[in-house]
Amino acid sequence: AGGIVYELHIGTFTPEGTLDAAAARLGHLVDIGVTHVELLP
Protein backbone atom coordinates (compact mmCIF):
# COMPACT_ATOMS: atom_id res chain seq x y z
CA ALA A 1 0.00 0.00 0.00
CA GLY A 2 1.39 3.37 -1.04
CA GLY A 3 4.28 1.76 -2.90
CA ILE A 4 5.72 1.97 -6.41
CA VAL A 5 6.87 -1.24 -8.12
CA TYR A 6 9.71 -1.41 -10.67
CA GLU A 7 9.82 -4.48 -12.91
CA LEU A 8 13.19 -5.51 -14.34
CA HIS A 9 14.93 -8.36 -16.14
CA ILE A 10 18.37 -9.09 -14.73
CA GLY A 11 19.92 -10.06 -18.06
CA THR A 12 19.07 -6.79 -19.84
CA PHE A 13 18.86 -4.27 -16.98
CA THR A 14 22.61 -3.63 -17.09
CA PRO A 15 25.36 -4.17 -19.67
CA GLU A 16 26.80 -6.97 -17.49
CA GLY A 17 23.43 -8.70 -17.03
CA THR A 18 24.17 -9.93 -13.50
CA LEU A 19 22.61 -9.60 -10.07
CA ASP A 20 25.68 -7.83 -8.73
CA ALA A 21 25.53 -5.28 -11.54
CA ALA A 22 21.82 -4.73 -10.89
CA ALA A 23 22.54 -4.20 -7.19
CA ALA A 24 24.92 -1.40 -8.13
CA ARG A 25 21.98 0.41 -9.82
CA LEU A 26 19.60 0.27 -6.85
CA GLY A 27 20.35 3.88 -5.96
CA HIS A 28 18.72 4.90 -9.25
CA LEU A 29 15.49 3.20 -8.18
CA VAL A 30 15.53 4.86 -4.77
CA ASP A 31 16.12 8.21 -6.45
CA ILE A 32 12.95 7.90 -8.56
CA GLY A 33 10.83 6.87 -5.57
CA VAL A 34 10.56 3.12 -6.13
CA THR A 35 9.68 1.02 -3.07
CA HIS A 36 9.51 -2.51 -4.53
CA VAL A 37 11.83 -4.00 -7.15
CA GLU A 38 10.26 -6.93 -9.02
CA LEU A 39 12.58 -9.37 -10.78
CA LEU A 40 11.47 -11.40 -13.77
CA PRO A 41 12.04 -15.14 -13.17
PDB file of all heavy atoms in Angstrom:
ATOM      1  N   ALA A   1       0.839  -1.198   0.000  1.00  0.00           N
ATOM      2  CA  ALA A   1       0.000   0.000   0.000  1.00  0.00           C
ATOM      3  C   ALA A   1       0.879   1.255   0.000  1.00  0.00           C
ATOM      4  O   ALA A   1       1.779   1.386   0.821  1.00  0.00           O
ATOM      5  CB  ALA A   1      -0.910   0.004   1.223  1.00  0.00           C
ATOM      6  N   GLY A   2       0.619   2.144  -0.931  1.00  0.00           N
ATOM      7  CA  GLY A   2       1.391   3.368  -1.045  1.00  0.00           C
ATOM      8  C   GLY A   2       2.703   3.218  -1.784  1.00  0.00           C
ATOM      9  O   GLY A   2       3.450   4.189  -1.909  1.00  0.00           O
ATOM     10  N   GLY A   3       2.990   2.015  -2.278  1.00  0.00           N
ATOM     11  CA  GLY A   3       4.283   1.757  -2.903  1.00  0.00           C
ATOM     12  C   GLY A   3       4.305   2.003  -4.398  1.00  0.00           C
ATOM     13  O   GLY A   3       3.279   2.274  -5.031  1.00  0.00           O
ATOM     14  N   ILE A   4       5.500   1.899  -4.971  1.00  0.00           N
ATOM     15  CA  ILE A   4       5.724   1.967  -6.413  1.00  0.00           C
ATOM     16  C   ILE A   4       6.614   0.786  -6.783  1.00  0.00           C
ATOM     17  O   ILE A   4       7.699   0.627  -6.224  1.00  0.00           O
ATOM     18  CB  ILE A   4       6.409   3.287  -6.823  1.00  0.00           C
ATOM     19  CG1 ILE A   4       5.529   4.490  -6.473  1.00  0.00           C
ATOM     20  CG2 ILE A   4       6.730   3.283  -8.320  1.00  0.00           C
ATOM     21  CD1 ILE A   4       6.202   5.837  -6.726  1.00  0.00           C
ATOM     22  N   VAL A   5       6.155  -0.037  -7.714  1.00  0.00           N
ATOM     23  CA  VAL A   5       6.873  -1.241  -8.117  1.00  0.00           C
ATOM     24  C   VAL A   5       7.673  -0.953  -9.389  1.00  0.00           C
ATOM     25  O   VAL A   5       7.225  -0.196 -10.260  1.00  0.00           O
ATOM     26  CB  VAL A   5       5.887  -2.399  -8.372  1.00  0.00           C
ATOM     27  CG1 VAL A   5       6.630  -3.683  -8.761  1.00  0.00           C
ATOM     28  CG2 VAL A   5       5.018  -2.651  -7.130  1.00  0.00           C
ATOM     29  N   TYR A   6       8.853  -1.561  -9.481  1.00  0.00           N
ATOM     30  CA  TYR A   6       9.712  -1.410 -10.669  1.00  0.00           C
ATOM     31  C   TYR A   6      10.065  -2.807 -11.148  1.00  0.00           C
ATOM     32  O   TYR A   6      10.728  -3.570 -10.453  1.00  0.00           O
ATOM     33  CB  TYR A   6      10.972  -0.638 -10.287  1.00  0.00           C
ATOM     34  CG  TYR A   6      11.886  -0.240 -11.437  1.00  0.00           C
ATOM     35  CD1 TYR A   6      11.798   1.028 -12.003  1.00  0.00           C
ATOM     36  CD2 TYR A   6      12.858  -1.102 -11.919  1.00  0.00           C
ATOM     37  CE1 TYR A   6      12.654   1.420 -13.025  1.00  0.00           C
ATOM     38  CE2 TYR A   6      13.713  -0.725 -12.944  1.00  0.00           C
ATOM     39  CZ  TYR A   6      13.611   0.541 -13.497  1.00  0.00           C
ATOM     40  OH  TYR A   6      14.460   0.920 -14.509  1.00  0.00           O
ATOM     41  N   GLU A   7       9.601  -3.153 -12.350  1.00  0.00           N
ATOM     42  CA  GLU A   7       9.823  -4.484 -12.914  1.00  0.00           C
ATOM     43  C   GLU A   7      11.086  -4.476 -13.775  1.00  0.00           C
ATOM     44  O   GLU A   7      11.245  -3.606 -14.642  1.00  0.00           O
ATOM     45  CB  GLU A   7       8.613  -4.890 -13.759  1.00  0.00           C
ATOM     46  CG  GLU A   7       8.683  -6.321 -14.278  1.00  0.00           C
ATOM     47  CD  GLU A   7       7.590  -6.637 -15.280  1.00  0.00           C
ATOM     48  OE1 GLU A   7       7.196  -5.746 -16.057  1.00  0.00           O
ATOM     49  OE2 GLU A   7       7.139  -7.794 -15.299  1.00  0.00           O
ATOM     50  N   LEU A   8      11.967  -5.451 -13.539  1.00  0.00           N
ATOM     51  CA  LEU A   8      13.189  -5.507 -14.341  1.00  0.00           C
ATOM     52  C   LEU A   8      13.607  -6.945 -14.633  1.00  0.00           C
ATOM     53  O   LEU A   8      13.243  -7.874 -13.912  1.00  0.00           O
ATOM     54  CB  LEU A   8      14.327  -4.740 -13.658  1.00  0.00           C
ATOM     55  CG  LEU A   8      14.914  -5.266 -12.340  1.00  0.00           C
ATOM     56  CD1 LEU A   8      16.024  -6.291 -12.588  1.00  0.00           C
ATOM     57  CD2 LEU A   8      15.466  -4.114 -11.508  1.00  0.00           C
ATOM     58  N   HIS A   9      14.367  -7.083 -15.708  1.00  0.00           N
ATOM     59  CA  HIS A   9      14.928  -8.364 -16.142  1.00  0.00           C
ATOM     60  C   HIS A   9      16.433  -8.281 -15.926  1.00  0.00           C
ATOM     61  O   HIS A   9      17.107  -7.400 -16.479  1.00  0.00           O
ATOM     62  CB  HIS A   9      14.599  -8.597 -17.618  1.00  0.00           C
ATOM     63  CG  HIS A   9      15.255  -9.810 -18.201  1.00  0.00           C
ATOM     64  ND1 HIS A   9      16.424  -9.746 -18.940  1.00  0.00           N
ATOM     65  CD2 HIS A   9      14.914 -11.122 -18.152  1.00  0.00           C
ATOM     66  CE1 HIS A   9      16.762 -10.964 -19.334  1.00  0.00           C
ATOM     67  NE2 HIS A   9      15.866 -11.814 -18.868  1.00  0.00           N
ATOM     68  N   ILE A  10      16.955  -9.170 -15.113  1.00  0.00           N
ATOM     69  CA  ILE A  10      18.367  -9.088 -14.731  1.00  0.00           C
ATOM     70  C   ILE A  10      19.290  -9.096 -15.945  1.00  0.00           C
ATOM     71  O   ILE A  10      20.263  -8.337 -16.013  1.00  0.00           O
ATOM     72  CB  ILE A  10      18.729 -10.245 -13.773  1.00  0.00           C
ATOM     73  CG1 ILE A  10      18.069 -10.045 -12.407  1.00  0.00           C
ATOM     74  CG2 ILE A  10      20.245 -10.365 -13.609  1.00  0.00           C
ATOM     75  CD1 ILE A  10      18.561  -8.827 -11.651  1.00  0.00           C
ATOM     76  N   GLY A  11      19.010  -9.916 -16.933  1.00  0.00           N
ATOM     77  CA  GLY A  11      19.921 -10.063 -18.063  1.00  0.00           C
ATOM     78  C   GLY A  11      20.046  -8.841 -18.947  1.00  0.00           C
ATOM     79  O   GLY A  11      21.054  -8.678 -19.649  1.00  0.00           O
ATOM     80  N   THR A  12      19.035  -7.954 -18.947  1.00  0.00           N
ATOM     81  CA  THR A  12      19.070  -6.788 -19.838  1.00  0.00           C
ATOM     82  C   THR A  12      18.997  -5.464 -19.092  1.00  0.00           C
ATOM     83  O   THR A  12      19.030  -4.405 -19.718  1.00  0.00           O
ATOM     84  CB  THR A  12      17.908  -6.845 -20.853  1.00  0.00           C
ATOM     85  OG1 THR A  12      16.675  -7.064 -20.140  1.00  0.00           O
ATOM     86  CG2 THR A  12      18.116  -7.970 -21.856  1.00  0.00           C
ATOM     87  N   PHE A  13      18.932  -5.493 -17.770  1.00  0.00           N
ATOM     88  CA  PHE A  13      18.855  -4.266 -16.979  1.00  0.00           C
ATOM     89  C   PHE A  13      20.184  -3.516 -17.014  1.00  0.00           C
ATOM     90  O   PHE A  13      20.211  -2.280 -17.005  1.00  0.00           O
ATOM     91  CB  PHE A  13      18.462  -4.613 -15.546  1.00  0.00           C
ATOM     92  CG  PHE A  13      18.300  -3.435 -14.629  1.00  0.00           C
ATOM     93  CD1 PHE A  13      17.391  -2.426 -14.913  1.00  0.00           C
ATOM     94  CD2 PHE A  13      19.056  -3.342 -13.466  1.00  0.00           C
ATOM     95  CE1 PHE A  13      17.232  -1.343 -14.054  1.00  0.00           C
ATOM     96  CE2 PHE A  13      18.905  -2.269 -12.599  1.00  0.00           C
ATOM     97  CZ  PHE A  13      17.984  -1.266 -12.894  1.00  0.00           C
ATOM     98  N   THR A  14      21.278  -4.243 -17.062  1.00  0.00           N
ATOM     99  CA  THR A  14      22.609  -3.633 -17.086  1.00  0.00           C
ATOM    100  C   THR A  14      23.420  -4.234 -18.230  1.00  0.00           C
ATOM    101  O   THR A  14      23.086  -5.304 -18.741  1.00  0.00           O
ATOM    102  CB  THR A  14      23.364  -3.886 -15.770  1.00  0.00           C
ATOM    103  OG1 THR A  14      23.608  -5.297 -15.639  1.00  0.00           O
ATOM    104  CG2 THR A  14      22.562  -3.389 -14.570  1.00  0.00           C
ATOM    105  N   PRO A  15      24.513  -3.586 -18.637  1.00  0.00           N
ATOM    106  CA  PRO A  15      25.364  -4.173 -19.673  1.00  0.00           C
ATOM    107  C   PRO A  15      25.923  -5.533 -19.263  1.00  0.00           C
ATOM    108  O   PRO A  15      26.098  -6.424 -20.102  1.00  0.00           O
ATOM    109  CB  PRO A  15      26.486  -3.142 -19.834  1.00  0.00           C
ATOM    110  CG  PRO A  15      25.899  -1.858 -19.349  1.00  0.00           C
ATOM    111  CD  PRO A  15      24.959  -2.232 -18.252  1.00  0.00           C
ATOM    112  N   GLU A  16      26.211  -5.708 -17.953  1.00  0.00           N
ATOM    113  CA  GLU A  16      26.795  -6.974 -17.487  1.00  0.00           C
ATOM    114  C   GLU A  16      25.750  -8.078 -17.384  1.00  0.00           C
ATOM    115  O   GLU A  16      26.071  -9.256 -17.512  1.00  0.00           O
ATOM    116  CB  GLU A  16      27.443  -6.762 -16.112  1.00  0.00           C
ATOM    117  CG  GLU A  16      28.545  -5.717 -16.093  1.00  0.00           C
ATOM    118  CD  GLU A  16      28.033  -4.306 -15.888  1.00  0.00           C
ATOM    119  OE1 GLU A  16      26.783  -4.087 -15.908  1.00  0.00           O
ATOM    120  OE2 GLU A  16      28.865  -3.399 -15.717  1.00  0.00           O
ATOM    121  N   GLY A  17      24.504  -7.717 -17.112  1.00  0.00           N
ATOM    122  CA  GLY A  17      23.432  -8.701 -17.029  1.00  0.00           C
ATOM    123  C   GLY A  17      23.529  -9.622 -15.827  1.00  0.00           C
ATOM    124  O   GLY A  17      23.149 -10.785 -15.915  1.00  0.00           O
ATOM    125  N   THR A  18      24.020  -9.107 -14.702  1.00  0.00           N
ATOM    126  CA  THR A  18      24.170  -9.934 -13.502  1.00  0.00           C
ATOM    127  C   THR A  18      23.450  -9.294 -12.319  1.00  0.00           C
ATOM    128  O   THR A  18      23.132  -8.100 -12.321  1.00  0.00           O
ATOM    129  CB  THR A  18      25.651 -10.109 -13.130  1.00  0.00           C
ATOM    130  OG1 THR A  18      26.199  -8.818 -12.772  1.00  0.00           O
ATOM    131  CG2 THR A  18      26.445 -10.700 -14.289  1.00  0.00           C
ATOM    132  N   LEU A  19      23.227 -10.102 -11.293  1.00  0.00           N
ATOM    133  CA  LEU A  19      22.609  -9.602 -10.073  1.00  0.00           C
ATOM    134  C   LEU A  19      23.485  -8.570  -9.376  1.00  0.00           C
ATOM    135  O   LEU A  19      22.987  -7.571  -8.848  1.00  0.00           O
ATOM    136  CB  LEU A  19      22.308 -10.779  -9.137  1.00  0.00           C
ATOM    137  CG  LEU A  19      21.117 -11.640  -9.548  1.00  0.00           C
ATOM    138  CD1 LEU A  19      21.277 -13.068  -9.055  1.00  0.00           C
ATOM    139  CD2 LEU A  19      19.812 -11.033  -9.038  1.00  0.00           C
ATOM    140  N   ASP A  20      24.778  -8.790  -9.369  1.00  0.00           N
ATOM    141  CA  ASP A  20      25.678  -7.825  -8.730  1.00  0.00           C
ATOM    142  C   ASP A  20      25.653  -6.485  -9.458  1.00  0.00           C
ATOM    143  O   ASP A  20      25.676  -5.418  -8.824  1.00  0.00           O
ATOM    144  CB  ASP A  20      27.101  -8.378  -8.674  1.00  0.00           C
ATOM    145  CG  ASP A  20      27.255  -9.491  -7.645  1.00  0.00           C
ATOM    146  OD1 ASP A  20      26.496  -9.495  -6.655  1.00  0.00           O
ATOM    147  OD2 ASP A  20      28.120 -10.370  -7.843  1.00  0.00           O
ATOM    148  N   ALA A  21      25.596  -6.522 -10.781  1.00  0.00           N
ATOM    149  CA  ALA A  21      25.535  -5.278 -11.538  1.00  0.00           C
ATOM    150  C   ALA A  21      24.205  -4.564 -11.289  1.00  0.00           C
ATOM    151  O   ALA A  21      24.161  -3.330 -11.184  1.00  0.00           O
ATOM    152  CB  ALA A  21      25.718  -5.552 -13.025  1.00  0.00           C
ATOM    153  N   ALA A  22      23.129  -5.332 -11.189  1.00  0.00           N
ATOM    154  CA  ALA A  22      21.823  -4.735 -10.891  1.00  0.00           C
ATOM    155  C   ALA A  22      21.822  -4.103  -9.509  1.00  0.00           C
ATOM    156  O   ALA A  22      21.242  -3.019  -9.300  1.00  0.00           O
ATOM    157  CB  ALA A  22      20.725  -5.791 -10.995  1.00  0.00           C
ATOM    158  N   ALA A  23      22.473  -4.752  -8.547  1.00  0.00           N
ATOM    159  CA  ALA A  23      22.542  -4.200  -7.187  1.00  0.00           C
ATOM    160  C   ALA A  23      23.237  -2.841  -7.185  1.00  0.00           C
ATOM    161  O   ALA A  23      22.881  -1.956  -6.392  1.00  0.00           O
ATOM    162  CB  ALA A  23      23.266  -5.175  -6.263  1.00  0.00           C
ATOM    163  N   ALA A  24      24.202  -2.677  -8.067  1.00  0.00           N
ATOM    164  CA  ALA A  24      24.915  -1.398  -8.129  1.00  0.00           C
ATOM    165  C   ALA A  24      24.039  -0.265  -8.659  1.00  0.00           C
ATOM    166  O   ALA A  24      24.403   0.910  -8.529  1.00  0.00           O
ATOM    167  CB  ALA A  24      26.159  -1.546  -9.005  1.00  0.00           C
ATOM    168  N   ARG A  25      22.888  -0.609  -9.269  1.00  0.00           N
ATOM    169  CA  ARG A  25      21.985   0.407  -9.820  1.00  0.00           C
ATOM    170  C   ARG A  25      20.793   0.694  -8.905  1.00  0.00           C
ATOM    171  O   ARG A  25      19.891   1.453  -9.278  1.00  0.00           O
ATOM    172  CB  ARG A  25      21.454  -0.056 -11.177  1.00  0.00           C
ATOM    173  CG  ARG A  25      22.524  -0.271 -12.239  1.00  0.00           C
ATOM    174  CD  ARG A  25      22.990   1.032 -12.835  1.00  0.00           C
ATOM    175  NE  ARG A  25      23.941   0.828 -13.929  1.00  0.00           N
ATOM    176  CZ  ARG A  25      24.436   1.803 -14.680  1.00  0.00           C
ATOM    177  NH1 ARG A  25      24.070   3.054 -14.430  1.00  0.00           N
ATOM    178  NH2 ARG A  25      25.284   1.546 -15.636  1.00  0.00           N
ATOM    179  N   LEU A  26      20.761   0.108  -7.726  1.00  0.00           N
ATOM    180  CA  LEU A  26      19.601   0.270  -6.853  1.00  0.00           C
ATOM    181  C   LEU A  26      19.397   1.718  -6.421  1.00  0.00           C
ATOM    182  O   LEU A  26      18.265   2.151  -6.184  1.00  0.00           O
ATOM    183  CB  LEU A  26      19.733  -0.636  -5.626  1.00  0.00           C
ATOM    184  CG  LEU A  26      19.636  -2.140  -5.905  1.00  0.00           C
ATOM    185  CD1 LEU A  26      19.910  -2.939  -4.640  1.00  0.00           C
ATOM    186  CD2 LEU A  26      18.268  -2.502  -6.481  1.00  0.00           C
ATOM    187  N   GLY A  27      20.478   2.476  -6.327  1.00  0.00           N
ATOM    188  CA  GLY A  27      20.348   3.878  -5.965  1.00  0.00           C
ATOM    189  C   GLY A  27      19.493   4.652  -6.952  1.00  0.00           C
ATOM    190  O   GLY A  27      18.773   5.589  -6.570  1.00  0.00           O
ATOM    191  N   HIS A  28      19.549   4.271  -8.222  1.00  0.00           N
ATOM    192  CA  HIS A  28      18.717   4.904  -9.252  1.00  0.00           C
ATOM    193  C   HIS A  28      17.242   4.699  -8.934  1.00  0.00           C
ATOM    194  O   HIS A  28      16.426   5.619  -9.083  1.00  0.00           O
ATOM    195  CB  HIS A  28      19.067   4.317 -10.618  1.00  0.00           C
ATOM    196  CG  HIS A  28      18.102   4.663 -11.708  1.00  0.00           C
ATOM    197  ND1 HIS A  28      18.113   5.874 -12.356  1.00  0.00           N
ATOM    198  CD2 HIS A  28      17.064   3.954 -12.251  1.00  0.00           C
ATOM    199  CE1 HIS A  28      17.155   5.904 -13.268  1.00  0.00           C
ATOM    200  NE2 HIS A  28      16.499   4.754 -13.219  1.00  0.00           N
ATOM    201  N   LEU A  29      16.883   3.491  -8.494  1.00  0.00           N
ATOM    202  CA  LEU A  29      15.488   3.199  -8.183  1.00  0.00           C
ATOM    203  C   LEU A  29      15.023   3.994  -6.965  1.00  0.00           C
ATOM    204  O   LEU A  29      13.915   4.532  -6.950  1.00  0.00           O
ATOM    205  CB  LEU A  29      15.297   1.700  -7.935  1.00  0.00           C
ATOM    206  CG  LEU A  29      15.787   0.755  -9.041  1.00  0.00           C
ATOM    207  CD1 LEU A  29      15.341  -0.673  -8.748  1.00  0.00           C
ATOM    208  CD2 LEU A  29      15.274   1.201 -10.400  1.00  0.00           C
ATOM    209  N   VAL A  30      15.874   4.071  -5.961  1.00  0.00           N
ATOM    210  CA  VAL A  30      15.534   4.856  -4.774  1.00  0.00           C
ATOM    211  C   VAL A  30      15.326   6.311  -5.159  1.00  0.00           C
ATOM    212  O   VAL A  30      14.388   6.978  -4.691  1.00  0.00           O
ATOM    213  CB  VAL A  30      16.644   4.720  -3.711  1.00  0.00           C
ATOM    214  CG1 VAL A  30      16.371   5.654  -2.540  1.00  0.00           C
ATOM    215  CG2 VAL A  30      16.752   3.275  -3.231  1.00  0.00           C
ATOM    216  N   ASP A  31      16.165   6.808  -6.053  1.00  0.00           N
ATOM    217  CA  ASP A  31      16.121   8.208  -6.450  1.00  0.00           C
ATOM    218  C   ASP A  31      14.820   8.562  -7.158  1.00  0.00           C
ATOM    219  O   ASP A  31      14.363   9.712  -7.091  1.00  0.00           O
ATOM    220  CB  ASP A  31      17.318   8.519  -7.353  1.00  0.00           C
ATOM    221  CG  ASP A  31      17.512  10.004  -7.578  1.00  0.00           C
ATOM    222  OD1 ASP A  31      17.321  10.770  -6.628  1.00  0.00           O
ATOM    223  OD2 ASP A  31      17.837  10.398  -8.717  1.00  0.00           O
ATOM    224  N   ILE A  32      14.207   7.597  -7.860  1.00  0.00           N
ATOM    225  CA  ILE A  32      12.946   7.896  -8.561  1.00  0.00           C
ATOM    226  C   ILE A  32      11.723   7.524  -7.722  1.00  0.00           C
ATOM    227  O   ILE A  32      10.592   7.596  -8.201  1.00  0.00           O
ATOM    228  CB  ILE A  32      12.869   7.206  -9.941  1.00  0.00           C
ATOM    229  CG1 ILE A  32      12.992   5.681  -9.826  1.00  0.00           C
ATOM    230  CG2 ILE A  32      13.904   7.772 -10.884  1.00  0.00           C
ATOM    231  CD1 ILE A  32      12.804   4.962 -11.151  1.00  0.00           C
ATOM    232  N   GLY A  33      11.950   7.100  -6.468  1.00  0.00           N
ATOM    233  CA  GLY A  33      10.830   6.872  -5.569  1.00  0.00           C
ATOM    234  C   GLY A  33      10.286   5.467  -5.542  1.00  0.00           C
ATOM    235  O   GLY A  33       9.213   5.217  -4.977  1.00  0.00           O
ATOM    236  N   VAL A  34      10.998   4.517  -6.138  1.00  0.00           N
ATOM    237  CA  VAL A  34      10.560   3.117  -6.129  1.00  0.00           C
ATOM    238  C   VAL A  34      10.638   2.561  -4.712  1.00  0.00           C
ATOM    239  O   VAL A  34      11.541   2.894  -3.941  1.00  0.00           O
ATOM    240  CB  VAL A  34      11.436   2.287  -7.092  1.00  0.00           C
ATOM    241  CG1 VAL A  34      11.217   0.784  -6.908  1.00  0.00           C
ATOM    242  CG2 VAL A  34      11.160   2.690  -8.538  1.00  0.00           C
ATOM    243  N   THR A  35       9.675   1.698  -4.373  1.00  0.00           N
ATOM    244  CA  THR A  35       9.684   1.024  -3.070  1.00  0.00           C
ATOM    245  C   THR A  35       9.862  -0.479  -3.188  1.00  0.00           C
ATOM    246  O   THR A  35      10.353  -1.125  -2.268  1.00  0.00           O
ATOM    247  CB  THR A  35       8.380   1.297  -2.313  1.00  0.00           C
ATOM    248  OG1 THR A  35       7.264   0.812  -3.095  1.00  0.00           O
ATOM    249  CG2 THR A  35       8.198   2.783  -2.039  1.00  0.00           C
ATOM    250  N   HIS A  36       9.431  -1.063  -4.327  1.00  0.00           N
ATOM    251  CA  HIS A  36       9.509  -2.509  -4.530  1.00  0.00           C
ATOM    252  C   HIS A  36      10.159  -2.794  -5.877  1.00  0.00           C
ATOM    253  O   HIS A  36       9.697  -2.271  -6.907  1.00  0.00           O
ATOM    254  CB  HIS A  36       8.111  -3.146  -4.527  1.00  0.00           C
ATOM    255  CG  HIS A  36       7.407  -3.097  -3.203  1.00  0.00           C
ATOM    256  ND1 HIS A  36       6.963  -1.918  -2.637  1.00  0.00           N
ATOM    257  CD2 HIS A  36       7.056  -4.103  -2.343  1.00  0.00           C
ATOM    258  CE1 HIS A  36       6.373  -2.188  -1.488  1.00  0.00           C
ATOM    259  NE2 HIS A  36       6.416  -3.490  -1.279  1.00  0.00           N
ATOM    260  N   VAL A  37      11.201  -3.593  -5.902  1.00  0.00           N
ATOM    261  CA  VAL A  37      11.829  -4.002  -7.155  1.00  0.00           C
ATOM    262  C   VAL A  37      11.393  -5.432  -7.456  1.00  0.00           C
ATOM    263  O   VAL A  37      11.555  -6.329  -6.628  1.00  0.00           O
ATOM    264  CB  VAL A  37      13.368  -3.866  -7.097  1.00  0.00           C
ATOM    265  CG1 VAL A  37      13.972  -4.603  -5.912  1.00  0.00           C
ATOM    266  CG2 VAL A  37      14.003  -4.357  -8.393  1.00  0.00           C
ATOM    267  N   GLU A  38      10.796  -5.619  -8.618  1.00  0.00           N
ATOM    268  CA  GLU A  38      10.264  -6.925  -9.015  1.00  0.00           C
ATOM    269  C   GLU A  38      11.149  -7.526 -10.109  1.00  0.00           C
ATOM    270  O   GLU A  38      11.316  -6.926 -11.180  1.00  0.00           O
ATOM    271  CB  GLU A  38       8.829  -6.784  -9.515  1.00  0.00           C
ATOM    272  CG  GLU A  38       8.202  -8.096  -9.960  1.00  0.00           C
ATOM    273  CD  GLU A  38       6.772  -7.922 -10.435  1.00  0.00           C
ATOM    274  OE1 GLU A  38       5.983  -7.269  -9.718  1.00  0.00           O
ATOM    275  OE2 GLU A  38       6.435  -8.426 -11.525  1.00  0.00           O
ATOM    276  N   LEU A  39      11.690  -8.697  -9.843  1.00  0.00           N
ATOM    277  CA  LEU A  39      12.585  -9.370 -10.785  1.00  0.00           C
ATOM    278  C   LEU A  39      11.812 -10.384 -11.613  1.00  0.00           C
ATOM    279  O   LEU A  39      11.089 -11.226 -11.070  1.00  0.00           O
ATOM    280  CB  LEU A  39      13.706 -10.098 -10.037  1.00  0.00           C
ATOM    281  CG  LEU A  39      14.566  -9.282  -9.070  1.00  0.00           C
ATOM    282  CD1 LEU A  39      15.661 -10.163  -8.496  1.00  0.00           C
ATOM    283  CD2 LEU A  39      15.152  -8.063  -9.750  1.00  0.00           C
ATOM    284  N   LEU A  40      11.980 -10.326 -12.932  1.00  0.00           N
ATOM    285  CA  LEU A  40      11.466 -11.401 -13.771  1.00  0.00           C
ATOM    286  C   LEU A  40      12.126 -12.706 -13.341  1.00  0.00           C
ATOM    287  O   LEU A  40      13.171 -12.691 -12.683  1.00  0.00           O
ATOM    288  CB  LEU A  40      11.750 -11.103 -15.241  1.00  0.00           C
ATOM    289  CG  LEU A  40      10.621 -10.382 -16.001  1.00  0.00           C
ATOM    290  CD1 LEU A  40      10.378  -8.994 -15.448  1.00  0.00           C
ATOM    291  CD2 LEU A  40      10.936 -10.294 -17.501  1.00  0.00           C
ATOM    292  N   PRO A  41      11.548 -13.864 -13.701  1.00  0.00           N
ATOM    293  CA  PRO A  41      12.041 -15.139 -13.169  1.00  0.00           C
ATOM    294  C   PRO A  41      13.553 -15.307 -13.301  1.00  0.00           C
ATOM    295  O   PRO A  41      14.142 -14.987 -14.332  1.00  0.00           O
ATOM    296  CB  PRO A  41      11.297 -16.179 -14.009  1.00  0.00           C
ATOM    297  CG  PRO A  41      10.022 -15.495 -14.377  1.00  0.00           C
ATOM    298  CD  PRO A  41      10.399 -14.059 -14.601  1.00  0.00           C
TER     299      PRO A  41
END
